[in-house]
Amino acid sequence: MAAHPRKIEGPCNWTGADIADDPRWRFSLSEDDIAELERADAAVAARNIDWRAMTRDDFPLVGMAEKFRGIQLELEDGCGMARLSKLPIDRFAGRLPISGTASACISERRCIRTLAA
């Protein structure tokens, strides 16, 4: 007889109804965050670095490190998803491959890059 699968426990055990209004997986950019993104983008543009060749050092977001750490923790040890809102996609049009659904590598353990153009 096959063993029953283990019961999923912890923050990754949720239903849509459980998490619909839970703020823990929702993250929002502040005006300071957006300004930091714009500075990093301008620095990359000034050096004519293609986004595919960019490194973390080319696009520093030091002020957003704590926010990214929170997102990383939610993805890896929380409910497994994160929503980032207030990203002004139109400000980066033509420079960075960002759309309404963009995700990037912020996890050291699970690094999947799916930048939707």
N, C-alpha and C. Protein backbone atom coordinates (compact mmCIF):
# COMPACT_ATOMS: atom_id res chain seq x y z
N MET A 1 0.84 -1.17 0.00
CA MET A 1 0.00 0.00 0.00
C MET A 1 0.90 1.25 0.00
N ALA A 2 0.56 2.19 -0.83
CA ALA A 2 1.36 3.41 -0.95
C ALA A 2 1.15 4.30 0.28
N ALA A 3 2.23 4.96 0.68
CA ALA A 3 2.13 5.87 1.82
C ALA A 3 1.37 7.13 1.41
N HIS A 4 0.63 7.65 2.36
CA HIS A 4 -0.08 8.90 2.10
C HIS A 4 0.92 10.04 2.06
N PRO A 5 0.69 11.03 1.20
CA PRO A 5 1.59 12.17 1.19
C PRO A 5 1.53 12.92 2.52
N ARG A 6 2.65 13.51 2.88
CA ARG A 6 2.68 14.28 4.13
C ARG A 6 1.76 15.49 4.01
N LYS A 7 1.17 15.85 5.11
CA LYS A 7 0.33 17.03 5.15
C LYS A 7 1.22 18.27 5.05
N ILE A 8 0.83 19.20 4.20
CA ILE A 8 1.57 20.45 4.08
C ILE A 8 1.21 21.32 5.28
N GLU A 9 2.23 21.80 5.96
CA GLU A 9 2.01 22.63 7.13
C GLU A 9 2.80 23.92 7.01
N GLY A 10 2.45 24.89 7.81
CA GLY A 10 3.17 26.14 7.82
C GLY A 10 2.55 27.17 6.88
N PRO A 11 3.27 28.26 6.61
CA PRO A 11 2.71 29.35 5.82
C PRO A 11 2.43 28.99 4.36
N CYS A 12 3.01 27.90 3.88
CA CYS A 12 2.75 27.51 2.49
C CYS A 12 1.47 26.68 2.36
N ASN A 13 0.80 26.40 3.45
CA ASN A 13 -0.47 25.70 3.45
C ASN A 13 -1.59 26.73 3.48
N TRP A 14 -2.09 27.08 2.30
CA TRP A 14 -3.13 28.08 2.21
C TRP A 14 -4.06 27.79 1.05
N THR A 15 -5.23 28.39 1.11
CA THR A 15 -6.17 28.37 0.00
C THR A 15 -6.34 29.82 -0.47
N GLY A 16 -6.93 30.00 -1.61
CA GLY A 16 -7.18 31.35 -2.11
C GLY A 16 -7.96 32.19 -1.12
N ALA A 17 -8.97 31.58 -0.50
CA ALA A 17 -9.78 32.30 0.49
C ALA A 17 -8.94 32.70 1.70
N ASP A 18 -8.01 31.82 2.10
CA ASP A 18 -7.16 32.13 3.25
C ASP A 18 -6.27 33.34 3.01
N ILE A 19 -5.77 33.47 1.81
CA ILE A 19 -4.72 34.45 1.55
C ILE A 19 -5.20 35.69 0.80
N ALA A 20 -6.43 35.68 0.34
CA ALA A 20 -6.95 36.78 -0.49
C ALA A 20 -6.72 38.15 0.13
N ASP A 21 -6.97 38.30 1.41
CA ASP A 21 -6.83 39.60 2.07
C ASP A 21 -5.60 39.68 2.97
N ASP A 22 -4.74 38.69 2.90
CA ASP A 22 -3.54 38.66 3.74
C ASP A 22 -2.48 39.59 3.14
N PRO A 23 -2.03 40.59 3.88
CA PRO A 23 -1.06 41.54 3.33
C PRO A 23 0.37 41.03 3.28
N ARG A 24 0.65 39.88 3.87
CA ARG A 24 2.05 39.45 4.02
C ARG A 24 2.77 39.22 2.68
N TRP A 25 2.05 38.91 1.63
CA TRP A 25 2.68 38.62 0.34
C TRP A 25 2.59 39.81 -0.62
N ARG A 26 2.08 40.93 -0.14
CA ARG A 26 1.92 42.13 -0.98
C ARG A 26 2.97 43.17 -0.60
N PHE A 27 3.71 43.60 -1.58
CA PHE A 27 4.76 44.59 -1.39
C PHE A 27 4.51 45.73 -2.36
N SER A 28 4.82 46.94 -1.93
CA SER A 28 4.54 48.11 -2.75
C SER A 28 5.78 48.99 -2.81
N LEU A 29 6.04 49.56 -3.99
CA LEU A 29 7.17 50.47 -4.14
C LEU A 29 6.80 51.85 -3.61
N SER A 30 7.73 52.46 -2.91
CA SER A 30 7.55 53.83 -2.45
C SER A 30 8.13 54.77 -3.50
N GLU A 31 7.91 56.06 -3.33
CA GLU A 31 8.52 57.04 -4.24
C GLU A 31 10.04 56.96 -4.16
N ASP A 32 10.60 56.71 -2.97
CA ASP A 32 12.05 56.56 -2.83
C ASP A 32 12.55 55.34 -3.60
N ASP A 33 11.79 54.24 -3.54
CA ASP A 33 12.15 53.04 -4.30
C ASP A 33 12.18 53.33 -5.79
N ILE A 34 11.15 54.02 -6.27
CA ILE A 34 11.05 54.35 -7.69
C ILE A 34 12.21 55.26 -8.11
N ALA A 35 12.54 56.23 -7.27
CA ALA A 35 13.66 57.12 -7.57
C ALA A 35 14.97 56.34 -7.64
N GLU A 36 15.13 55.37 -6.75
CA GLU A 36 16.34 54.54 -6.78
C GLU A 36 16.40 53.70 -8.05
N LEU A 37 15.28 53.15 -8.46
CA LEU A 37 15.22 52.40 -9.72
C LEU A 37 15.59 53.31 -10.90
N GLU A 38 15.06 54.52 -10.89
CA GLU A 38 15.35 55.46 -11.98
C GLU A 38 16.84 55.84 -12.01
N ARG A 39 17.45 56.05 -10.83
CA ARG A 39 18.89 56.37 -10.79
C ARG A 39 19.72 55.20 -11.33
N ALA A 40 19.37 53.99 -10.92
CA ALA A 40 20.11 52.81 -11.40
C ALA A 40 19.94 52.66 -12.90
N ASP A 41 18.73 52.87 -13.39
CA ASP A 41 18.46 52.77 -14.83
C ASP A 41 19.25 53.84 -15.59
N ALA A 42 19.29 55.06 -15.08
CA ALA A 42 20.03 56.14 -15.75
C ALA A 42 21.53 55.82 -15.79
N ALA A 43 22.06 55.25 -14.72
CA ALA A 43 23.48 54.90 -14.69
C ALA A 43 23.81 53.82 -15.71
N VAL A 44 22.93 52.84 -15.84
CA VAL A 44 23.12 51.77 -16.83
C VAL A 44 23.01 52.34 -18.24
N ALA A 45 22.04 53.22 -18.46
CA ALA A 45 21.86 53.83 -19.78
C ALA A 45 23.08 54.68 -20.16
N ALA A 46 23.62 55.42 -19.19
CA ALA A 46 24.79 56.27 -19.46
C ALA A 46 26.00 55.45 -19.87
N ARG A 47 26.07 54.23 -19.35
CA ARG A 47 27.20 53.34 -19.67
C ARG A 47 26.85 52.40 -20.83
N ASN A 48 25.64 52.54 -21.36
CA ASN A 48 25.19 51.76 -22.51
C ASN A 48 25.31 50.25 -22.28
N ILE A 49 24.86 49.81 -21.10
CA ILE A 49 24.90 48.39 -20.75
C ILE A 49 23.56 47.76 -21.14
N ASP A 50 23.60 46.74 -21.94
CA ASP A 50 22.40 46.01 -22.31
C ASP A 50 21.88 45.27 -21.08
N TRP A 51 20.56 45.21 -20.91
CA TRP A 51 19.99 44.57 -19.73
C TRP A 51 20.39 43.10 -19.60
N ARG A 52 20.66 42.44 -20.73
CA ARG A 52 21.04 41.02 -20.67
C ARG A 52 22.44 40.84 -20.11
N ALA A 53 23.25 41.89 -20.14
CA ALA A 53 24.63 41.81 -19.64
C ALA A 53 24.76 42.43 -18.25
N MET A 54 23.68 42.97 -17.73
CA MET A 54 23.72 43.64 -16.43
C MET A 54 24.05 42.69 -15.29
N THR A 55 24.78 43.21 -14.33
CA THR A 55 25.04 42.48 -13.10
C THR A 55 24.44 43.26 -11.93
N ARG A 56 24.45 42.66 -10.78
CA ARG A 56 23.95 43.33 -9.57
C ARG A 56 24.74 44.62 -9.32
N ASP A 57 26.04 44.59 -9.59
CA ASP A 57 26.87 45.78 -9.38
C ASP A 57 26.53 46.90 -10.37
N ASP A 58 26.05 46.56 -11.56
CA ASP A 58 25.68 47.55 -12.56
C ASP A 58 24.37 48.25 -12.21
N PHE A 59 23.53 47.59 -11.44
CA PHE A 59 22.18 48.10 -11.14
C PHE A 59 21.94 48.03 -9.63
N PRO A 60 22.71 48.84 -8.87
CA PRO A 60 22.60 48.75 -7.41
C PRO A 60 21.28 49.31 -6.88
N LEU A 61 20.67 48.56 -6.00
CA LEU A 61 19.42 48.97 -5.36
C LEU A 61 19.57 48.79 -3.85
N VAL A 62 20.57 49.43 -3.29
CA VAL A 62 20.92 49.26 -1.88
C VAL A 62 19.78 49.66 -0.96
N GLY A 63 19.10 50.75 -1.29
CA GLY A 63 17.99 51.21 -0.45
C GLY A 63 16.80 50.28 -0.44
N MET A 64 16.72 49.41 -1.44
CA MET A 64 15.59 48.47 -1.54
C MET A 64 15.95 47.09 -1.01
N ALA A 65 17.16 46.95 -0.47
CA ALA A 65 17.63 45.63 -0.03
C ALA A 65 16.70 44.99 0.99
N GLU A 66 16.22 45.76 1.95
CA GLU A 66 15.35 45.20 2.98
C GLU A 66 14.02 44.74 2.37
N LYS A 67 13.49 45.52 1.43
CA LYS A 67 12.24 45.13 0.77
C LYS A 67 12.45 43.84 -0.03
N PHE A 68 13.56 43.77 -0.77
CA PHE A 68 13.86 42.56 -1.53
C PHE A 68 14.06 41.36 -0.61
N ARG A 69 14.67 41.60 0.56
CA ARG A 69 14.86 40.51 1.53
C ARG A 69 13.50 40.00 2.02
N GLY A 70 12.56 40.91 2.26
CA GLY A 70 11.22 40.51 2.67
C GLY A 70 10.52 39.69 1.60
N ILE A 71 10.68 40.11 0.34
CA ILE A 71 10.10 39.36 -0.78
C ILE A 71 10.74 37.98 -0.87
N GLN A 72 12.07 37.94 -0.76
CA GLN A 72 12.79 36.67 -0.81
C GLN A 72 12.30 35.72 0.29
N LEU A 73 12.17 36.23 1.50
CA LEU A 73 11.71 35.39 2.61
C LEU A 73 10.29 34.87 2.38
N GLU A 74 9.43 35.72 1.84
CA GLU A 74 8.06 35.27 1.57
C GLU A 74 8.03 34.20 0.49
N LEU A 75 8.87 34.36 -0.53
CA LEU A 75 8.92 33.36 -1.60
C LEU A 75 9.48 32.03 -1.10
N GLU A 76 10.54 32.08 -0.31
CA GLU A 76 11.22 30.86 0.10
C GLU A 76 10.65 30.21 1.35
N ASP A 77 10.23 31.02 2.32
CA ASP A 77 9.81 30.46 3.60
C ASP A 77 8.38 30.83 3.99
N GLY A 78 7.71 31.58 3.12
CA GLY A 78 6.35 32.00 3.41
C GLY A 78 5.35 31.28 2.53
N CYS A 79 4.44 32.06 1.97
CA CYS A 79 3.37 31.45 1.17
C CYS A 79 3.83 31.06 -0.24
N GLY A 80 5.04 31.49 -0.64
CA GLY A 80 5.57 31.08 -1.94
C GLY A 80 5.25 32.04 -3.07
N MET A 81 4.66 33.18 -2.76
CA MET A 81 4.40 34.16 -3.81
C MET A 81 4.54 35.56 -3.22
N ALA A 82 4.75 36.52 -4.12
CA ALA A 82 4.86 37.91 -3.71
C ALA A 82 4.32 38.80 -4.83
N ARG A 83 3.62 39.84 -4.45
CA ARG A 83 3.10 40.79 -5.42
C ARG A 83 3.76 42.14 -5.16
N LEU A 84 4.37 42.69 -6.19
CA LEU A 84 5.02 43.99 -6.10
C LEU A 84 4.18 44.99 -6.89
N SER A 85 3.65 45.99 -6.21
CA SER A 85 2.80 46.96 -6.89
C SER A 85 3.45 48.34 -6.93
N LYS A 86 2.87 49.20 -7.73
CA LYS A 86 3.29 50.59 -7.94
C LYS A 86 4.58 50.71 -8.73
N LEU A 87 4.91 49.71 -9.54
CA LEU A 87 6.05 49.80 -10.44
C LEU A 87 5.59 50.58 -11.68
N PRO A 88 6.15 51.77 -11.92
CA PRO A 88 5.72 52.58 -13.06
C PRO A 88 6.33 52.05 -14.36
N ILE A 89 5.71 51.05 -14.92
CA ILE A 89 6.22 50.35 -16.09
C ILE A 89 6.53 51.32 -17.23
N ASP A 90 5.68 52.31 -17.44
CA ASP A 90 5.86 53.25 -18.55
C ASP A 90 7.16 54.05 -18.45
N ARG A 91 7.67 54.27 -17.25
CA ARG A 91 8.92 55.03 -17.07
C ARG A 91 10.14 54.27 -17.58
N PHE A 92 10.02 52.96 -17.67
CA PHE A 92 11.17 52.14 -18.07
C PHE A 92 10.97 51.50 -19.44
N ALA A 93 9.91 51.87 -20.12
CA ALA A 93 9.60 51.30 -21.44
C ALA A 93 10.77 51.51 -22.40
N GLY A 94 11.13 50.45 -23.08
CA GLY A 94 12.20 50.52 -24.06
C GLY A 94 13.60 50.34 -23.48
N ARG A 95 13.74 50.44 -22.16
CA ARG A 95 15.06 50.29 -21.52
C ARG A 95 15.19 48.93 -20.85
N LEU A 96 14.20 48.58 -20.07
CA LEU A 96 14.24 47.32 -19.32
C LEU A 96 13.07 46.45 -19.74
N PRO A 97 13.28 45.15 -19.78
CA PRO A 97 12.20 44.24 -20.20
C PRO A 97 11.20 44.02 -19.08
N ILE A 98 10.38 45.02 -18.83
CA ILE A 98 9.40 44.95 -17.75
C ILE A 98 8.01 45.05 -18.36
N SER A 99 7.11 44.21 -17.86
CA SER A 99 5.72 44.29 -18.28
C SER A 99 4.87 44.19 -17.03
N GLY A 100 3.59 44.04 -17.22
CA GLY A 100 2.68 43.90 -16.10
C GLY A 100 2.97 42.67 -15.26
N THR A 101 3.61 41.69 -15.87
CA THR A 101 4.00 40.49 -15.13
C THR A 101 5.49 40.28 -15.32
N ALA A 102 6.25 40.67 -14.35
CA ALA A 102 7.70 40.52 -14.43
C ALA A 102 8.19 39.89 -13.13
N SER A 103 9.11 39.00 -13.25
CA SER A 103 9.76 38.45 -12.06
C SER A 103 11.23 38.33 -12.36
N ALA A 104 12.02 38.43 -11.35
CA ALA A 104 13.46 38.37 -11.53
C ALA A 104 14.08 37.59 -10.39
N CYS A 105 15.31 37.32 -10.53
CA CYS A 105 16.02 36.53 -9.53
C CYS A 105 16.32 37.37 -8.29
N ILE A 106 15.63 37.08 -7.20
CA ILE A 106 15.98 37.72 -5.94
C ILE A 106 16.24 36.66 -4.88
N SER A 107 16.12 35.42 -5.28
CA SER A 107 16.34 34.32 -4.37
C SER A 107 17.65 33.63 -4.68
N GLU A 108 18.46 33.41 -3.66
CA GLU A 108 19.73 32.73 -3.87
C GLU A 108 19.52 31.22 -4.07
N ARG A 109 18.49 30.66 -3.45
CA ARG A 109 18.26 29.23 -3.55
C ARG A 109 17.46 28.85 -4.79
N ARG A 110 16.53 29.66 -5.17
CA ARG A 110 15.70 29.37 -6.34
C ARG A 110 15.80 30.55 -7.29
N CYS A 111 16.67 30.46 -8.26
CA CYS A 111 16.91 31.59 -9.14
C CYS A 111 16.33 31.30 -10.51
N ILE A 112 15.14 31.81 -10.75
CA ILE A 112 14.48 31.65 -12.04
C ILE A 112 14.22 33.05 -12.58
N ARG A 113 14.69 33.30 -13.77
CA ARG A 113 14.50 34.62 -14.36
C ARG A 113 13.48 34.49 -15.48
N THR A 114 12.37 35.16 -15.33
CA THR A 114 11.35 35.19 -16.36
C THR A 114 10.92 36.62 -16.55
N LEU A 115 11.68 37.37 -17.27
CA LEU A 115 11.35 38.76 -17.54
C LEU A 115 10.49 38.81 -18.79
N ALA A 116 9.24 39.08 -18.62
CA ALA A 116 8.31 39.12 -19.75
C ALA A 116 8.39 40.47 -20.42
N ALA A 117 8.60 40.47 -21.73
CA ALA A 117 8.70 41.73 -22.46
C ALA A 117 7.33 42.20 -22.90
